[in-house]
Amino acid sequence: MSPETHDTLVIESRLAELGRVERWLAGLFQDWKVPPETQFAVDLVINEAVTNVIGYAHPEDPTRETLISLTDRPDAILVEIIDTGAAFNPLDAPEMIASRDLDEASIGGRGIHLIKSFSDDYSYSRVSGQNRLTLAIHKKGCPLSHCL
């Protein structure tokens, strides 16, 4: 079994920072040889979670920081997103109700649904004034030798 590898990125609460997140992820995915299906899921959950933090945790202060932490384990990528915004457990949000058609569809509310759908395990805690969202995405489509 290969050892775990870990990396972190700190961003300001600005949508423009998502470009930095994308570049950081692309480099890690290449270095860690993350399977494409897993890359997609990790990228999606991070973008949804970070966009929510930027939009809701502290929109009045774009200099506030959010920490994104990734750990590459043989079987999964672990994601932790830490912010100092108001306490908010996204996992307690009501389930999204599917719309029958576009006229009935509401804007918003899909990000948390996507995070839950593309994560294999998730948890939230509030520690020392910080929101901590922890997600695990199991590696899909990876060669057996890399997953062991």
C-alpha atoms as a PDB file:
ATOM      1  CA  MET A   1       0.000   0.000   0.000  1.00  0.00           C
ATOM      2  CA  SER A   2       1.318   3.440  -0.901  1.00  0.00           C
ATOM      3  CA  PRO A   3       1.531   6.175   1.737  1.00  0.00           C
ATOM      4  CA  GLU A   4      -0.948   9.008   1.914  1.00  0.00           C
ATOM      5  CA  THR A   5      -0.058  12.286   0.244  1.00  0.00           C
ATOM      6  CA  HIS A   6      -1.479  15.581   1.439  1.00  0.00           C
ATOM      7  CA  ASP A   7      -1.688  19.155   0.143  1.00  0.00           C
ATOM      8  CA  THR A   8      -3.563  22.349   1.042  1.00  0.00           C
ATOM      9  CA  LEU A   9      -4.572  25.563  -0.670  1.00  0.00           C
ATOM     10  CA  VAL A  10      -5.774  28.758   0.999  1.00  0.00           C
ATOM     11  CA  ILE A  11      -7.977  31.049  -1.072  1.00  0.00           C
ATOM     12  CA  GLU A  12      -9.729  34.365  -0.522  1.00  0.00           C
ATOM     13  CA  SER A  13     -13.505  34.561  -0.656  1.00  0.00           C
ATOM     14  CA  ARG A  14     -13.669  35.635  -4.310  1.00  0.00           C
ATOM     15  CA  LEU A  15     -15.096  33.729  -7.276  1.00  0.00           C
ATOM     16  CA  ALA A  16     -11.946  34.591  -9.259  1.00  0.00           C
ATOM     17  CA  GLU A  17     -10.058  32.260  -6.899  1.00  0.00           C
ATOM     18  CA  LEU A  18     -11.812  29.264  -8.479  1.00  0.00           C
ATOM     19  CA  GLY A  19      -9.268  29.489 -11.323  1.00  0.00           C
ATOM     20  CA  ARG A  20      -6.460  28.946  -8.805  1.00  0.00           C
ATOM     21  CA  VAL A  21      -8.355  26.007  -7.353  1.00  0.00           C
ATOM     22  CA  GLU A  22      -8.697  24.451 -10.829  1.00  0.00           C
ATOM     23  CA  ARG A  23      -4.976  24.812 -11.574  1.00  0.00           C
ATOM     24  CA  TRP A  24      -4.038  23.405  -8.161  1.00  0.00           C
ATOM     25  CA  LEU A  25      -6.334  20.410  -8.623  1.00  0.00           C
ATOM     26  CA  ALA A  26      -5.047  19.726 -12.149  1.00  0.00           C
ATOM     27  CA  GLY A  27      -1.477  19.568 -10.857  1.00  0.00           C
ATOM     28  CA  LEU A  28      -2.373  17.297  -7.949  1.00  0.00           C
ATOM     29  CA  PHE A  29      -4.458  14.999 -10.135  1.00  0.00           C
ATOM     30  CA  GLN A  30      -1.547  14.599 -12.516  1.00  0.00           C
ATOM     31  CA  ASP A  31       1.041  14.063  -9.768  1.00  0.00           C
ATOM     32  CA  TRP A  32      -1.201  11.654  -7.867  1.00  0.00           C
ATOM     33  CA  LYS A  33      -2.432   9.840 -11.012  1.00  0.00           C
ATOM     34  CA  VAL A  34      -6.060  10.244  -9.975  1.00  0.00           C
ATOM     35  CA  PRO A  35      -8.477   8.369 -12.278  1.00  0.00           C
ATOM     36  CA  PRO A  36     -10.606  10.651 -14.530  1.00  0.00           C
ATOM     37  CA  GLU A  37     -13.953   9.685 -12.940  1.00  0.00           C
ATOM     38  CA  THR A  38     -12.572  10.509  -9.513  1.00  0.00           C
ATOM     39  CA  GLN A  39     -11.098  13.783 -10.789  1.00  0.00           C
ATOM     40  CA  PHE A  40     -14.525  14.818 -12.021  1.00  0.00           C
ATOM     41  CA  ALA A  41     -16.209  14.039  -8.688  1.00  0.00           C
ATOM     42  CA  VAL A  42     -13.522  15.779  -6.590  1.00  0.00           C
ATOM     43  CA  ASP A  43     -13.550  18.850  -8.823  1.00  0.00           C
ATOM     44  CA  LEU A  44     -17.348  19.037  -8.731  1.00  0.00           C
ATOM     45  CA  VAL A  45     -17.717  18.742  -4.947  1.00  0.00           C
ATOM     46  CA  ILE A  46     -14.946  21.254  -4.280  1.00  0.00           C
ATOM     47  CA  ASN A  47     -16.384  23.776  -6.742  1.00  0.00           C
ATOM     48  CA  GLU A  48     -19.880  23.436  -5.298  1.00  0.00           C
ATOM     49  CA  ALA A  49     -18.736  23.672  -1.674  1.00  0.00           C
ATOM     50  CA  VAL A  50     -16.297  26.549  -2.231  1.00  0.00           C
ATOM     51  CA  THR A  51     -18.824  28.497  -4.315  1.00  0.00           C
ATOM     52  CA  ASN A  52     -21.301  28.169  -1.433  1.00  0.00           C
ATOM     53  CA  VAL A  53     -18.693  29.371   1.072  1.00  0.00           C
ATOM     54  CA  ILE A  54     -17.819  32.364  -1.128  1.00  0.00           C
ATOM     55  CA  GLY A  55     -21.478  33.241  -1.669  1.00  0.00           C
ATOM     56  CA  TYR A  56     -22.838  32.678   1.815  1.00  0.00           C
ATOM     57  CA  ALA A  57     -20.217  32.279   4.552  1.00  0.00           C
ATOM     58  CA  HIS A  58     -18.780  35.780   4.382  1.00  0.00           C
ATOM     59  CA  PRO A  59     -19.797  37.608   1.189  1.00  0.00           C
ATOM     60  CA  GLU A  60     -19.243  40.969   2.888  1.00  0.00           C
ATOM     61  CA  ASP A  61     -15.511  40.360   3.270  1.00  0.00           C
ATOM     62  CA  PRO A  62     -13.762  38.888   0.198  1.00  0.00           C
ATOM     63  CA  THR A  63     -10.414  38.864   2.018  1.00  0.00           C
ATOM     64  CA  ARG A  64     -11.606  36.144   4.440  1.00  0.00           C
ATOM     65  CA  GLU A  65      -9.831  32.889   3.751  1.00  0.00           C
ATOM     66  CA  THR A  66     -10.998  29.359   3.072  1.00  0.00           C
ATOM     67  CA  LEU A  67      -8.690  26.374   3.396  1.00  0.00           C
ATOM     68  CA  ILE A  68      -9.024  23.424   1.026  1.00  0.00           C
ATOM     69  CA  SER A  69      -7.200  20.274   2.053  1.00  0.00           C
ATOM     70  CA  LEU A  70      -6.778  17.126  -0.063  1.00  0.00           C
ATOM     71  CA  THR A  71      -5.395  13.783   1.000  1.00  0.00           C
ATOM     72  CA  ASP A  72      -4.639  11.082  -1.554  1.00  0.00           C
ATOM     73  CA  ARG A  73      -5.232   7.677  -0.018  1.00  0.00           C
ATOM     74  CA  PRO A  74      -4.921   4.418  -1.924  1.00  0.00           C
ATOM     75  CA  ASP A  75      -8.714   3.987  -1.999  1.00  0.00           C
ATOM     76  CA  ALA A  76     -10.064   7.551  -1.905  1.00  0.00           C
ATOM     77  CA  ILE A  77      -9.437  11.265  -2.070  1.00  0.00           C
ATOM     78  CA  LEU A  78     -10.321  13.025   1.177  1.00  0.00           C
ATOM     79  CA  VAL A  79     -11.418  16.648   0.917  1.00  0.00           C
ATOM     80  CA  GLU A  80     -11.723  19.086   3.801  1.00  0.00           C
ATOM     81  CA  ILE A  81     -13.022  22.616   3.390  1.00  0.00           C
ATOM     82  CA  ILE A  82     -12.616  24.953   6.349  1.00  0.00           C
ATOM     83  CA  ASP A  83     -14.049  28.460   6.645  1.00  0.00           C
ATOM     84  CA  THR A  84     -14.731  30.940   9.436  1.00  0.00           C
ATOM     85  CA  GLY A  85     -18.195  32.009   8.306  1.00  0.00           C
ATOM     86  CA  ALA A  86     -21.361  31.667  10.358  1.00  0.00           C
ATOM     87  CA  ALA A  87     -22.098  28.144  11.516  1.00  0.00           C
ATOM     88  CA  PHE A  88     -23.804  26.221   8.727  1.00  0.00           C
ATOM     89  CA  ASN A  89     -24.088  22.478   8.300  1.00  0.00           C
ATOM     90  CA  PRO A  90     -24.880  21.917   4.619  1.00  0.00           C
ATOM     91  CA  LEU A  91     -25.622  18.268   5.328  1.00  0.00           C
ATOM     92  CA  ASP A  92     -28.667  19.301   7.383  1.00  0.00           C
ATOM     93  CA  ALA A  93     -30.164  21.243   4.466  1.00  0.00           C
ATOM     94  CA  PRO A  94     -33.514  19.879   3.267  1.00  0.00           C
ATOM     95  CA  GLU A  95     -33.374  17.381   0.426  1.00  0.00           C
ATOM     96  CA  MET A  96     -33.816  18.886  -3.017  1.00  0.00           C
ATOM     97  CA  ILE A  97     -37.242  18.200  -4.510  1.00  0.00           C
ATOM     98  CA  ALA A  98     -36.988  17.218  -8.152  1.00  0.00           C
ATOM     99  CA  SER A  99     -38.991  19.350 -10.568  1.00  0.00           C
ATOM    100  CA  ARG A 100     -41.239  17.841 -13.206  1.00  0.00           C
ATOM    101  CA  ASP A 101     -40.280  20.455 -15.803  1.00  0.00           C
ATOM    102  CA  LEU A 102     -38.261  23.639 -16.286  1.00  0.00           C
ATOM    103  CA  ASP A 103     -41.206  25.902 -15.473  1.00  0.00           C
ATOM    104  CA  GLU A 104     -41.435  24.305 -12.045  1.00  0.00           C
ATOM    105  CA  ALA A 105     -37.674  24.246 -11.382  1.00  0.00           C
ATOM    106  CA  SER A 106     -36.230  26.598  -8.815  1.00  0.00           C
ATOM    107  CA  ILE A 107     -32.836  28.260  -8.961  1.00  0.00           C
ATOM    108  CA  GLY A 108     -30.401  27.091  -6.318  1.00  0.00           C
ATOM    109  CA  GLY A 109     -30.400  24.221  -3.885  1.00  0.00           C
ATOM    110  CA  ARG A 110     -28.667  21.805  -6.218  1.00  0.00           C
ATOM    111  CA  GLY A 111     -25.089  22.285  -4.980  1.00  0.00           C
ATOM    112  CA  ILE A 112     -25.573  20.441  -1.696  1.00  0.00           C
ATOM    113  CA  HIS A 113     -27.443  17.685  -3.538  1.00  0.00           C
ATOM    114  CA  LEU A 114     -24.494  17.310  -5.931  1.00  0.00           C
ATOM    115  CA  ILE A 115     -21.992  17.270  -3.061  1.00  0.00           C
ATOM    116  CA  LYS A 116     -23.918  14.442  -1.374  1.00  0.00           C
ATOM    117  CA  SER A 117     -24.441  12.567  -4.645  1.00  0.00           C
ATOM    118  CA  PHE A 118     -20.787  12.620  -5.729  1.00  0.00           C
ATOM    119  CA  SER A 119     -19.275  11.970  -2.270  1.00  0.00           C
ATOM    120  CA  ASP A 120     -19.142   8.477  -0.825  1.00  0.00           C
ATOM    121  CA  ASP A 121     -18.915   9.740   2.740  1.00  0.00           C
ATOM    122  CA  TYR A 122     -19.358  13.175   4.290  1.00  0.00           C
ATOM    123  CA  SER A 123     -19.429  14.892   7.649  1.00  0.00           C
ATOM    124  CA  TYR A 124     -19.601  18.373   9.123  1.00  0.00           C
ATOM    125  CA  SER A 125     -18.295  19.810  12.366  1.00  0.00           C
ATOM    126  CA  ARG A 126     -17.987  23.241  13.925  1.00  0.00           C
ATOM    127  CA  VAL A 127     -14.653  23.517  15.745  1.00  0.00           C
ATOM    128  CA  SER A 128     -13.151  26.684  17.264  1.00  0.00           C
ATOM    129  CA  GLY A 129     -15.360  28.995  15.197  1.00  0.00           C
ATOM    130  CA  GLN A 130     -14.693  27.116  11.962  1.00  0.00           C
ATOM    131  CA  ASN A 131     -16.975  25.163   9.652  1.00  0.00           C
ATOM    132  CA  ARG A 132     -15.309  21.889   8.618  1.00  0.00           C
ATOM    133  CA  LEU A 133     -16.856  19.961   5.761  1.00  0.00           C
ATOM    134  CA  THR A 134     -15.136  16.625   5.191  1.00  0.00           C
ATOM    135  CA  LEU A 135     -15.815  14.541   2.079  1.00  0.00           C
ATOM    136  CA  ALA A 136     -14.478  11.216   0.831  1.00  0.00           C
ATOM    137  CA  ILE A 137     -14.592  10.280  -2.838  1.00  0.00           C
ATOM    138  CA  HIS A 138     -13.670   6.664  -3.525  1.00  0.00           C
ATOM    139  CA  LYS A 139     -11.404   6.145  -6.490  1.00  0.00           C
ATOM    140  CA  LYS A 140     -13.327   4.857  -9.458  1.00  0.00           C
ATOM    141  CA  GLY A 141     -11.812   3.309 -12.538  1.00  0.00           C
ATOM    142  CA  CYS A 142      -8.319   3.144 -11.087  1.00  0.00           C
ATOM    143  CA  PRO A 143      -5.910   0.344 -11.829  1.00  0.00           C
ATOM    144  CA  LEU A 144      -5.914  -2.243  -9.060  1.00  0.00           C
ATOM    145  CA  SER A 145      -2.225  -1.670  -8.348  1.00  0.00           C
ATOM    146  CA  HIS A 146      -2.885   2.005  -7.538  1.00  0.00           C
ATOM    147  CA  CYS A 147      -5.927   1.293  -5.353  1.00  0.00           C
ATOM    148  CA  LEU A 148      -4.159  -1.152  -3.081  1.00  0.00           C
END
